[in-house]
Amino acid sequence: MNFYNIEKTKIQRNVSIHNIQAFTKSIDTKNSTFVLHVDNEYDYEFSCIEKKYGVGFVTKIMNAL
């Protein structure tokens, strides 16, 4: 299983879920980003897409880890 960052129709990043060491999301409701901490790679910061896909989206990612 992989985590994909897709912009329009192009894959920007493809990270195996097995390589994700941690997932960070601020509890500040004004902060709309989250970070994937990946083993032997850079950490990846993403704009949070919960506003578009629903509040449970980030929870689903965390549960998959």
Protein backbone atom coordinates (compact mmCIF):
# COMPACT_ATOMS: atom_id res chain seq x y z
CA MET A 1 0.00 0.00 0.00
CA ASN A 2 1.33 3.44 -0.94
CA PHE A 3 0.63 7.06 -0.17
CA TYR A 4 0.47 9.15 -3.34
CA ASN A 5 0.73 12.90 -3.78
CA ILE A 6 -0.99 13.64 -7.07
CA GLU A 7 -1.23 17.06 -8.63
CA LYS A 8 -3.75 17.17 -11.45
CA THR A 9 -2.77 14.00 -13.34
CA LYS A 10 0.92 13.69 -12.36
CA ILE A 11 2.25 11.73 -9.39
CA GLN A 12 4.52 14.03 -7.39
CA ARG A 13 5.48 11.51 -4.68
CA ASN A 14 4.93 7.83 -4.05
CA VAL A 15 5.71 6.66 -0.51
CA SER A 16 5.25 3.12 0.74
CA ILE A 17 3.18 3.11 3.91
CA HIS A 18 5.71 0.65 5.36
CA ASN A 19 8.37 3.41 5.17
CA ILE A 20 6.33 5.99 7.06
CA GLN A 21 7.71 6.29 10.57
CA ALA A 22 5.27 8.92 11.85
CA PHE A 23 2.44 11.20 10.90
CA THR A 24 2.16 14.68 12.42
CA LYS A 25 -0.94 16.88 12.37
CA SER A 26 -1.27 20.01 14.46
CA ILE A 27 -4.16 20.27 16.89
CA ASP A 28 -4.41 23.95 15.94
CA THR A 29 -7.51 24.18 13.77
CA LYS A 30 -5.96 27.08 11.81
CA ASN A 31 -3.02 24.91 10.73
CA SER A 32 -3.99 23.05 7.56
CA THR A 33 -0.88 20.95 6.99
CA PHE A 34 0.36 17.52 7.97
CA VAL A 35 3.77 15.88 7.76
CA LEU A 36 4.75 12.35 6.83
CA HIS A 37 8.03 11.32 8.44
CA VAL A 38 9.57 8.77 6.08
CA ASP A 39 12.40 6.35 6.88
CA ASN A 40 15.63 7.23 5.00
CA GLU A 41 13.95 10.07 3.09
CA TYR A 42 12.97 13.66 3.60
CA ASP A 43 9.87 14.45 5.62
CA TYR A 44 7.01 15.45 3.37
CA GLU A 45 4.72 18.33 4.30
CA PHE A 46 1.28 18.42 2.68
CA SER A 47 -1.60 20.83 2.72
CA CYS A 48 -4.39 19.18 4.61
CA ILE A 49 -7.20 18.05 2.36
CA GLU A 50 -9.71 17.40 5.11
CA LYS A 51 -11.71 20.42 4.01
CA LYS A 52 -12.21 18.79 0.62
CA TYR A 53 -12.49 15.12 1.60
CA GLY A 54 -13.96 15.26 5.09
CA VAL A 55 -12.70 15.25 8.63
CA GLY A 56 -12.15 11.48 8.73
CA PHE A 57 -9.54 11.50 5.96
CA VAL A 58 -6.53 12.14 8.21
CA THR A 59 -7.86 9.61 10.72
CA LYS A 60 -7.98 6.99 7.96
CA ILE A 61 -4.34 7.69 7.08
CA MET A 62 -3.28 7.38 10.72
CA ASN A 63 -5.19 4.11 11.11
CA ALA A 64 -3.54 2.70 7.98
CA LEU A 65 -0.14 3.23 9.56
